[in-house]
Amino acid sequence: MEMGGPGDGTRSRDEMRALDALELESDADFKAVKAAHRRLVKAHHPDANSGDAEAAKRFKQVQAAYDVLRKAEERRAEDVRGTSEPRR
């Protein structure tokens, strides 16, 4: 599913910040979000950067950004299905 684009009012401020944290443009689709998440998690994972506090901080930021965008994508999918019930 394609996510909203820049300035079209379909993205919240939190979503825009999350895209920035994942180093993505504002018109990135969810496939690009997943790819960026995977790339950045690998680069900043605590197991790969033992003792690096900055990497741990960035890892948490990437995780939080992905959660914001994943939840937004789920809400959009529910809206398309025409239901407000959570997917099980």
Protein backbone atom coordinates (compact mmCIF):
# COMPACT_ATOMS: atom_id res chain seq x y z
CA MET A 1 0.00 0.00 0.00
CA GLU A 2 1.30 3.43 -0.88
CA MET A 3 1.65 5.90 1.95
CA GLY A 4 0.77 9.58 1.65
CA GLY A 5 3.01 12.16 0.13
CA PRO A 6 4.50 15.46 1.18
CA GLY A 7 2.12 18.23 2.10
CA ASP A 8 -1.02 16.31 1.22
CA GLY A 9 -2.21 16.14 4.82
CA THR A 10 -2.19 12.36 5.04
CA ARG A 11 0.83 12.15 7.31
CA SER A 12 1.03 13.29 10.89
CA ARG A 13 3.91 15.28 12.29
CA ASP A 14 5.04 12.14 14.15
CA GLU A 15 5.09 10.19 10.89
CA MET A 16 7.16 12.89 9.21
CA ARG A 17 9.67 12.81 12.09
CA ALA A 18 9.78 9.02 11.88
CA LEU A 19 10.54 9.15 8.16
CA ASP A 20 13.33 11.60 8.88
CA ALA A 21 14.74 9.28 11.56
CA LEU A 22 14.77 6.47 8.99
CA GLU A 23 16.54 8.77 6.52
CA LEU A 24 13.63 8.62 4.05
CA GLU A 25 11.84 11.16 1.88
CA SER A 26 8.32 12.16 2.85
CA ASP A 27 6.79 10.21 -0.05
CA ALA A 28 8.41 6.86 0.83
CA ASP A 29 6.12 3.84 0.68
CA PHE A 30 5.98 1.18 3.38
CA LYS A 31 8.28 -1.14 1.43
CA ALA A 32 10.98 1.56 1.62
CA VAL A 33 10.23 2.01 5.33
CA LYS A 34 10.84 -1.69 5.97
CA ALA A 35 14.07 -1.70 3.96
CA ALA A 36 15.42 1.37 5.76
CA HIS A 37 14.47 -0.12 9.12
CA ARG A 38 16.33 -3.35 8.36
CA ARG A 39 19.41 -1.47 7.13
CA LEU A 40 19.58 0.88 10.11
CA VAL A 41 18.87 -1.82 12.71
CA LYS A 42 21.76 -3.86 11.36
CA ALA A 43 24.07 -0.85 11.42
CA HIS A 44 23.19 0.26 14.95
CA HIS A 45 22.30 -2.99 16.71
CA PRO A 46 23.81 -3.21 20.22
CA ASP A 47 25.26 -6.66 19.47
CA ALA A 48 27.23 -5.18 16.57
CA ASN A 49 28.25 -2.05 18.51
CA SER A 50 29.10 -3.30 21.96
CA GLY A 51 29.53 -0.46 24.43
CA ASP A 52 28.66 2.28 21.91
CA ALA A 53 26.08 4.45 23.68
CA GLU A 54 25.41 6.55 20.57
CA ALA A 55 24.65 3.43 18.50
CA ALA A 56 22.30 2.17 21.22
CA LYS A 57 20.51 5.53 21.25
CA ARG A 58 20.19 5.52 17.45
CA PHE A 59 18.95 1.90 17.51
CA LYS A 60 16.14 2.87 19.89
CA GLN A 61 15.29 5.88 17.73
CA VAL A 62 15.06 3.67 14.62
CA GLN A 63 12.86 1.17 16.44
CA ALA A 64 10.51 3.90 17.71
CA ALA A 65 10.29 5.47 14.23
CA TYR A 66 9.42 2.13 12.67
CA ASP A 67 6.72 1.53 15.29
CA VAL A 68 5.10 4.89 14.48
CA LEU A 69 5.07 4.14 10.75
CA ARG A 70 3.95 0.52 11.18
CA LYS A 71 0.99 1.57 13.29
CA ALA A 72 0.08 4.29 10.78
CA GLU A 73 0.21 1.73 7.97
CA GLU A 74 -2.05 -0.62 9.95
CA ARG A 75 -4.55 2.21 10.52
CA ARG A 76 -4.56 3.02 6.80
CA ALA A 77 -5.14 -0.63 5.93
CA GLU A 78 -8.05 -0.79 8.39
CA ASP A 79 -9.53 2.37 6.85
CA VAL A 80 -9.31 0.80 3.39
CA ARG A 81 -11.03 -2.36 4.65
CA GLY A 82 -13.71 -0.15 6.14
CA THR A 83 -13.42 -1.39 9.68
CA SER A 84 -12.21 0.04 12.92
CA GLU A 85 -11.70 -3.40 14.43
CA PRO A 86 -8.05 -4.33 14.97
CA ARG A 87 -6.66 -7.09 12.79
CA ARG A 88 -6.22 -10.35 14.69
